[in-house]
PDB file of all heavy atoms in Angstrom:
ATOM      1  N   PHE A   1       3.520   3.600  -1.289  1.00  0.00           N
ATOM      2  CA  PHE A   1       3.708   2.936  -2.553  1.00  0.00           C
ATOM      3  C   PHE A   1       5.131   2.468  -2.609  1.00  0.00           C
ATOM      4  O   PHE A   1       6.009   2.972  -1.786  1.00  0.00           O
ATOM      5  CB  PHE A   1       3.466   3.875  -3.883  1.00  0.00           C
ATOM      6  CG  PHE A   1       2.012   4.252  -4.063  1.00  0.00           C
ATOM      7  CD1 PHE A   1       1.304   5.217  -3.148  1.00  0.00           C
ATOM      8  CD2 PHE A   1       1.157   3.668  -4.986  1.00  0.00           C
ATOM      9  CE1 PHE A   1      -0.005   5.406  -3.355  1.00  0.00           C
ATOM     10  CE2 PHE A   1      -0.099   3.862  -5.209  1.00  0.00           C
ATOM     11  CZ  PHE A   1      -0.695   4.827  -4.369  1.00  0.00           C
ATOM     12  N   ARG A   2       5.474   1.594  -3.592  1.00  0.00           N
ATOM     13  CA  ARG A   2       6.771   1.194  -3.736  1.00  0.00           C
ATOM     14  C   ARG A   2       7.118   0.920  -5.107  1.00  0.00           C
ATOM     15  O   ARG A   2       6.269   0.583  -5.845  1.00  0.00           O
ATOM     16  CB  ARG A   2       7.210  -0.107  -2.838  1.00  0.00           C
ATOM     17  CG  ARG A   2       6.414  -1.332  -3.249  1.00  0.00           C
ATOM     18  CD  ARG A   2       6.631  -2.380  -2.343  1.00  0.00           C
ATOM     19  NE  ARG A   2       5.955  -3.624  -2.766  1.00  0.00           N
ATOM     20  CZ  ARG A   2       5.989  -4.760  -2.059  1.00  0.00           C
ATOM     21  NH1 ARG A   2       6.618  -4.892  -0.859  1.00  0.00           N
ATOM     22  NH2 ARG A   2       5.381  -5.908  -2.525  1.00  0.00           N
ATOM     23  N   GLN A   3       8.417   1.134  -5.513  1.00  0.00           N
ATOM     24  CA  GLN A   3       8.877   0.786  -6.843  1.00  0.00           C
ATOM     25  C   GLN A   3      10.205  -0.096  -6.801  1.00  0.00           C
ATOM     26  O   GLN A   3      11.200   0.444  -6.305  1.00  0.00           O
ATOM     27  CB  GLN A   3       9.068   2.170  -7.596  1.00  0.00           C
ATOM     28  CG  GLN A   3       9.436   1.922  -9.118  1.00  0.00           C
ATOM     29  CD  GLN A   3       9.390   3.146  -9.866  1.00  0.00           C
ATOM     30  OE1 GLN A   3       9.334   4.258  -9.418  1.00  0.00           O
ATOM     31  NE2 GLN A   3       9.103   3.086 -11.103  1.00  0.00           N
ATOM     32  N   ALA A   4      10.005  -1.157  -7.299  1.00  0.00           N
ATOM     33  CA  ALA A   4      11.216  -2.089  -7.394  1.00  0.00           C
ATOM     34  C   ALA A   4      12.026  -1.887  -8.672  1.00  0.00           C
ATOM     35  O   ALA A   4      11.528  -1.251  -9.475  1.00  0.00           O
ATOM     36  CB  ALA A   4      10.748  -3.536  -7.281  1.00  0.00           C
ATOM     37  N   PRO A   5      13.361  -2.258  -8.582  1.00  0.00           N
ATOM     38  CA  PRO A   5      14.087  -1.938  -9.875  1.00  0.00           C
ATOM     39  C   PRO A   5      13.493  -2.522 -11.112  1.00  0.00           C
ATOM     40  O   PRO A   5      13.025  -3.761 -11.048  1.00  0.00           O
ATOM     41  CB  PRO A   5      15.415  -2.677  -9.511  1.00  0.00           C
ATOM     42  CG  PRO A   5      15.416  -2.601  -7.989  1.00  0.00           C
ATOM     43  CD  PRO A   5      14.134  -2.823  -7.624  1.00  0.00           C
ATOM     44  N   GLY A   6      13.340  -1.755 -12.174  1.00  0.00           N
ATOM     45  CA  GLY A   6      12.891  -2.326 -13.401  1.00  0.00           C
ATOM     46  C   GLY A   6      11.260  -2.365 -13.457  1.00  0.00           C
ATOM     47  O   GLY A   6      10.757  -2.966 -14.408  1.00  0.00           O
ATOM     48  N   LYS A   7      10.574  -2.120 -12.355  1.00  0.00           N
ATOM     49  CA  LYS A   7       9.104  -2.259 -12.328  1.00  0.00           C
ATOM     50  C   LYS A   7       8.402  -0.904 -12.100  1.00  0.00           C
ATOM     51  O   LYS A   7       9.006   0.085 -11.681  1.00  0.00           O
ATOM     52  CB  LYS A   7       8.703  -3.146 -11.093  1.00  0.00           C
ATOM     53  CG  LYS A   7       9.313  -4.606 -11.477  1.00  0.00           C
ATOM     54  CD  LYS A   7       8.705  -5.531 -10.372  1.00  0.00           C
ATOM     55  CE  LYS A   7       9.246  -6.970 -10.612  1.00  0.00           C
ATOM     56  NZ  LYS A   7       8.705  -7.944  -9.522  1.00  0.00           N
ATOM     57  N   GLY A   8       7.117  -0.890 -12.227  1.00  0.00           N
ATOM     58  CA  GLY A   8       6.322   0.388 -12.013  1.00  0.00           C
ATOM     59  C   GLY A   8       6.001   0.437 -10.566  1.00  0.00           C
ATOM     60  O   GLY A   8       6.172  -0.421  -9.770  1.00  0.00           O
ATOM     61  N   ARG A   9       5.648   1.672 -10.248  1.00  0.00           N
ATOM     62  CA  ARG A   9       5.337   1.800  -8.825  1.00  0.00           C
ATOM     63  C   ARG A   9       3.835   1.278  -8.360  1.00  0.00           C
ATOM     64  O   ARG A   9       2.989   1.284  -9.243  1.00  0.00           O
ATOM     65  CB  ARG A   9       5.348   3.353  -8.617  1.00  0.00           C
ATOM     66  CG  ARG A   9       5.138   3.847  -7.117  1.00  0.00           C
ATOM     67  CD  ARG A   9       5.588   5.269  -7.002  1.00  0.00           C
ATOM     68  NE  ARG A   9       4.949   6.185  -7.801  1.00  0.00           N
ATOM     69  CZ  ARG A   9       5.307   7.474  -7.811  1.00  0.00           C
ATOM     70  NH1 ARG A   9       6.328   7.978  -7.181  1.00  0.00           N
ATOM     71  NH2 ARG A   9       4.535   8.379  -8.756  1.00  0.00           N
ATOM     72  N   GLU A  10       3.909   0.659  -7.315  1.00  0.00           N
ATOM     73  CA  GLU A  10       2.683  -0.080  -6.922  1.00  0.00           C
ATOM     74  C   GLU A  10       2.301   0.247  -5.527  1.00  0.00           C
ATOM     75  O   GLU A  10       3.024   0.664  -4.636  1.00  0.00           O
ATOM     76  CB  GLU A  10       2.944  -1.725  -6.843  1.00  0.00           C
ATOM     77  CG  GLU A  10       3.969  -2.118  -5.922  1.00  0.00           C
ATOM     78  CD  GLU A  10       4.047  -3.661  -5.754  1.00  0.00           C
ATOM     79  OE1 GLU A  10       3.383  -4.357  -6.596  1.00  0.00           O
ATOM     80  OE2 GLU A  10       4.801  -4.187  -4.931  1.00  0.00           O
ATOM     81  N   PHE A  11       0.993   0.159  -5.310  1.00  0.00           N
ATOM     82  CA  PHE A  11       0.303   0.531  -4.108  1.00  0.00           C
ATOM     83  C   PHE A  11       0.677  -0.442  -2.958  1.00  0.00           C
ATOM     84  O   PHE A  11       0.822  -1.822  -3.180  1.00  0.00           O
ATOM     85  CB  PHE A  11      -1.151   0.393  -4.272  1.00  0.00           C
ATOM     86  CG  PHE A  11      -2.005   0.618  -2.921  1.00  0.00           C
ATOM     87  CD1 PHE A  11      -2.197   1.847  -2.339  1.00  0.00           C
ATOM     88  CD2 PHE A  11      -2.549  -0.503  -2.268  1.00  0.00           C
ATOM     89  CE1 PHE A  11      -2.858   2.017  -1.207  1.00  0.00           C
ATOM     90  CE2 PHE A  11      -3.247  -0.410  -1.158  1.00  0.00           C
ATOM     91  CZ  PHE A  11      -3.437   0.859  -0.571  1.00  0.00           C
ATOM     92  N   VAL A  12       0.927  -0.015  -1.724  1.00  0.00           N
ATOM     93  CA  VAL A  12       1.259  -0.914  -0.643  1.00  0.00           C
ATOM     94  C   VAL A  12       0.184  -0.882   0.496  1.00  0.00           C
ATOM     95  O   VAL A  12      -0.446  -1.870   0.797  1.00  0.00           O
ATOM     96  CB  VAL A  12       2.643  -0.537  -0.008  1.00  0.00           C
ATOM     97  CG1 VAL A  12       3.011  -1.388   1.256  1.00  0.00           C
ATOM     98  CG2 VAL A  12       3.765  -0.701  -1.053  1.00  0.00           C
ATOM     99  N   ALA A  13      -0.197   0.358   0.886  1.00  0.00           N
ATOM    100  CA  ALA A  13      -1.032   0.484   2.049  1.00  0.00           C
ATOM    101  C   ALA A  13      -1.507   1.852   2.189  1.00  0.00           C
ATOM    102  O   ALA A  13      -0.876   2.850   1.627  1.00  0.00           O
ATOM    103  CB  ALA A  13      -0.558   0.028   3.443  1.00  0.00           C
ATOM    104  N   ALA A  14      -2.748   2.026   2.659  1.00  0.00           N
ATOM    105  CA  ALA A  14      -3.306   3.483   2.868  1.00  0.00           C
ATOM    106  C   ALA A  14      -4.080   3.506   4.106  1.00  0.00           C
ATOM    107  O   ALA A  14      -4.572   2.488   4.609  1.00  0.00           O
ATOM    108  CB  ALA A  14      -4.237   3.766   1.667  1.00  0.00           C
ATOM    109  N   ILE A  15      -4.273   4.732   4.669  1.00  0.00           N
ATOM    110  CA  ILE A  15      -4.868   4.914   5.972  1.00  0.00           C
ATOM    111  C   ILE A  15      -5.602   6.246   5.848  1.00  0.00           C
ATOM    112  O   ILE A  15      -5.089   7.301   5.254  1.00  0.00           O
ATOM    113  CB  ILE A  15      -3.970   4.866   7.117  1.00  0.00           C
ATOM    114  CG1 ILE A  15      -4.729   4.932   8.472  1.00  0.00           C
ATOM    115  CG2 ILE A  15      -2.875   5.979   7.161  1.00  0.00           C
ATOM    116  CD1 ILE A  15      -3.871   4.519   9.658  1.00  0.00           C
ATOM    117  N   LEU A  16      -6.785   6.347   6.463  1.00  0.00           N
ATOM    118  CA  LEU A  16      -7.574   7.575   6.442  1.00  0.00           C
ATOM    119  C   LEU A  16      -7.021   8.387   7.762  1.00  0.00           C
ATOM    120  O   LEU A  16      -6.935   7.820   8.810  1.00  0.00           O
ATOM    121  CB  LEU A  16      -8.996   7.411   6.593  1.00  0.00           C
ATOM    122  CG  LEU A  16      -9.764   7.187   5.275  1.00  0.00           C
ATOM    123  CD1 LEU A  16      -9.223   5.999   4.460  1.00  0.00           C
ATOM    124  CD2 LEU A  16     -11.248   7.064   5.370  1.00  0.00           C
ATOM    125  N   TRP A  17      -6.823   9.745   7.510  1.00  0.00           N
ATOM    126  CA  TRP A  17      -6.580  10.468   8.738  1.00  0.00           C
ATOM    127  C   TRP A  17      -7.669  10.468   9.732  1.00  0.00           C
ATOM    128  O   TRP A  17      -7.389  10.469  10.991  1.00  0.00           O
ATOM    129  CB  TRP A  17      -6.346  12.025   8.342  1.00  0.00           C
ATOM    130  CG  TRP A  17      -4.922  12.338   7.798  1.00  0.00           C
ATOM    131  CD1 TRP A  17      -4.720  12.869   6.533  1.00  0.00           C
ATOM    132  CD2 TRP A  17      -3.698  12.125   8.395  1.00  0.00           C
ATOM    133  NE1 TRP A  17      -3.350  13.020   6.403  1.00  0.00           N
ATOM    134  CE2 TRP A  17      -2.716  12.692   7.555  1.00  0.00           C
ATOM    135  CE3 TRP A  17      -3.377  11.751   9.664  1.00  0.00           C
ATOM    136  CZ2 TRP A  17      -1.374  12.644   7.908  1.00  0.00           C
ATOM    137  CZ3 TRP A  17      -1.952  11.723  10.038  1.00  0.00           C
ATOM    138  CH2 TRP A  17      -0.987  12.272   9.144  1.00  0.00           C
ATOM    139  N   SER A  18      -8.921  10.612   9.310  1.00  0.00           N
ATOM    140  CA  SER A  18     -10.037  10.629  10.162  1.00  0.00           C
ATOM    141  C   SER A  18     -10.491   9.113  10.311  1.00  0.00           C
ATOM    142  O   SER A  18     -11.022   8.461   9.315  1.00  0.00           O
ATOM    143  CB  SER A  18     -11.109  11.528   9.741  1.00  0.00           C
ATOM    144  OG  SER A  18     -12.289  11.430  10.521  1.00  0.00           O
ATOM    145  N   GLY A  19     -10.508   8.534  11.462  1.00  0.00           N
ATOM    146  CA  GLY A  19     -11.083   7.164  11.696  1.00  0.00           C
ATOM    147  C   GLY A  19     -10.117   6.071  11.594  1.00  0.00           C
ATOM    148  O   GLY A  19     -10.188   5.106  12.224  1.00  0.00           O
ATOM    149  N   GLY A  20      -9.149   6.284  10.711  1.00  0.00           N
ATOM    150  CA  GLY A  20      -8.032   5.305  10.660  1.00  0.00           C
ATOM    151  C   GLY A  20      -8.271   4.007   9.911  1.00  0.00           C
ATOM    152  O   GLY A  20      -7.563   3.098  10.048  1.00  0.00           O
ATOM    153  N   SER A  21      -9.289   3.987   9.032  1.00  0.00           N
ATOM    154  CA  SER A  21      -9.578   2.827   8.250  1.00  0.00           C
ATOM    155  C   SER A  21      -8.311   2.649   7.325  1.00  0.00           C
ATOM    156  O   SER A  21      -7.719   3.544   6.798  1.00  0.00           O
ATOM    157  CB  SER A  21     -10.767   2.972   7.354  1.00  0.00           C
ATOM    158  OG  SER A  21     -11.913   3.255   8.148  1.00  0.00           O
ATOM    159  N   THR A  22      -8.000   1.308   7.125  1.00  0.00           N
ATOM    160  CA  THR A  22      -6.858   0.996   6.432  1.00  0.00           C
ATOM    161  C   THR A  22      -7.141   0.003   5.149  1.00  0.00           C
ATOM    162  O   THR A  22      -8.122  -0.649   5.121  1.00  0.00           O
ATOM    163  CB  THR A  22      -5.872   0.254   7.342  1.00  0.00           C
ATOM    164  OG1 THR A  22      -6.404  -1.039   7.784  1.00  0.00           O
ATOM    165  CG2 THR A  22      -5.335   1.160   8.403  1.00  0.00           C
ATOM    166  N   THR A  23      -6.190   0.089   4.213  1.00  0.00           N
ATOM    167  CA  THR A  23      -6.376  -0.860   3.089  1.00  0.00           C
ATOM    168  C   THR A  23      -4.949  -1.258   2.765  1.00  0.00           C
ATOM    169  O   THR A  23      -3.971  -0.562   2.818  1.00  0.00           O
ATOM    170  CB  THR A  23      -6.765  -0.026   1.822  1.00  0.00           C
ATOM    171  OG1 THR A  23      -8.177   0.532   2.027  1.00  0.00           O
ATOM    172  CG2 THR A  23      -6.915  -0.824   0.531  1.00  0.00           C
ATOM    173  N   TYR A  24      -4.788  -2.576   2.378  1.00  0.00           N
ATOM    174  CA  TYR A  24      -3.438  -3.249   2.100  1.00  0.00           C
ATOM    175  C   TYR A  24      -3.505  -3.948   0.751  1.00  0.00           C
ATOM    176  O   TYR A  24      -4.533  -4.509   0.290  1.00  0.00           O
ATOM    177  CB  TYR A  24      -3.053  -4.192   3.246  1.00  0.00           C
ATOM    178  CG  TYR A  24      -2.887  -3.510   4.566  1.00  0.00           C
ATOM    179  CD1 TYR A  24      -3.939  -3.462   5.496  1.00  0.00           C
ATOM    180  CD2 TYR A  24      -1.588  -3.097   4.841  1.00  0.00           C
ATOM    181  CE1 TYR A  24      -3.736  -2.930   6.678  1.00  0.00           C
ATOM    182  CE2 TYR A  24      -1.431  -2.577   6.124  1.00  0.00           C
ATOM    183  CZ  TYR A  24      -2.487  -2.527   6.989  1.00  0.00           C
ATOM    184  OH  TYR A  24      -2.229  -1.930   8.287  1.00  0.00           O
ATOM    185  N   ALA A  25      -2.278  -3.902   0.088  1.00  0.00           N
ATOM    186  CA  ALA A  25      -2.183  -4.692  -1.059  1.00  0.00           C
ATOM    187  C   ALA A  25      -2.157  -6.146  -0.567  1.00  0.00           C
ATOM    188  O   ALA A  25      -1.583  -6.432   0.463  1.00  0.00           O
ATOM    189  CB  ALA A  25      -0.840  -4.358  -1.775  1.00  0.00           C
ATOM    190  N   GLU A  26      -2.610  -7.076  -1.395  1.00  0.00           N
ATOM    191  CA  GLU A  26      -2.589  -8.491  -1.020  1.00  0.00           C
ATOM    192  C   GLU A  26      -1.230  -9.077  -0.810  1.00  0.00           C
ATOM    193  O   GLU A  26      -1.015  -9.889   0.142  1.00  0.00           O
ATOM    194  CB  GLU A  26      -3.157  -9.276  -2.115  1.00  0.00           C
ATOM    195  CG  GLU A  26      -4.709  -9.162  -2.315  1.00  0.00           C
ATOM    196  CD  GLU A  26      -5.446  -9.658  -1.127  1.00  0.00           C
ATOM    197  OE1 GLU A  26      -5.099 -10.688  -0.480  1.00  0.00           O
ATOM    198  OE2 GLU A  26      -6.555  -9.034  -0.727  1.00  0.00           O
ATOM    199  N   SER A  27      -0.218  -8.474  -1.347  1.00  0.00           N
ATOM    200  CA  SER A  27       1.105  -9.044  -1.238  1.00  0.00           C
ATOM    201  C   SER A  27       1.745  -8.725   0.074  1.00  0.00           C
ATOM    202  O   SER A  27       2.742  -9.363   0.510  1.00  0.00           O
ATOM    203  CB  SER A  27       2.063  -8.453  -2.336  1.00  0.00           C
ATOM    204  OG  SER A  27       1.970  -6.995  -2.231  1.00  0.00           O
ATOM    205  N   VAL A  28       1.073  -7.698   0.842  1.00  0.00           N
ATOM    206  CA  VAL A  28       1.739  -7.347   2.180  1.00  0.00           C
ATOM    207  C   VAL A  28       0.772  -7.698   3.351  1.00  0.00           C
ATOM    208  O   VAL A  28       1.199  -7.397   4.443  1.00  0.00           O
ATOM    209  CB  VAL A  28       2.183  -5.813   2.137  1.00  0.00           C
ATOM    210  CG1 VAL A  28       3.179  -5.593   1.125  1.00  0.00           C
ATOM    211  CG2 VAL A  28       0.957  -4.951   2.170  1.00  0.00           C
ATOM    212  N   LYS A  29      -0.409  -8.011   3.064  1.00  0.00           N
ATOM    213  CA  LYS A  29      -1.319  -8.286   4.012  1.00  0.00           C
ATOM    214  C   LYS A  29      -0.851  -9.371   5.097  1.00  0.00           C
ATOM    215  O   LYS A  29      -0.341 -10.361   4.723  1.00  0.00           O
ATOM    216  CB  LYS A  29      -2.688  -8.835   3.481  1.00  0.00           C
ATOM    217  CG  LYS A  29      -3.727  -7.775   3.075  1.00  0.00           C
ATOM    218  CD  LYS A  29      -4.990  -8.380   2.569  1.00  0.00           C
ATOM    219  CE  LYS A  29      -5.997  -7.268   2.148  1.00  0.00           C
ATOM    220  NZ  LYS A  29      -7.151  -7.881   1.601  1.00  0.00           N
ATOM    221  N   GLY A  30      -1.087  -9.023   6.397  1.00  0.00           N
ATOM    222  CA  GLY A  30      -0.549  -9.904   7.309  1.00  0.00           C
ATOM    223  C   GLY A  30       0.951  -9.762   7.744  1.00  0.00           C
ATOM    224  O   GLY A  30       1.447 -10.197   8.817  1.00  0.00           O
TER     225      GLY A  30
END
């Protein structure tokens, strides 16, 4: 997750320990 100055904390990316499936926020995809 990340938190910019003056903003709330937002999701960035996640990964499963088993299998390794990933999820990304649209703002960081690619």
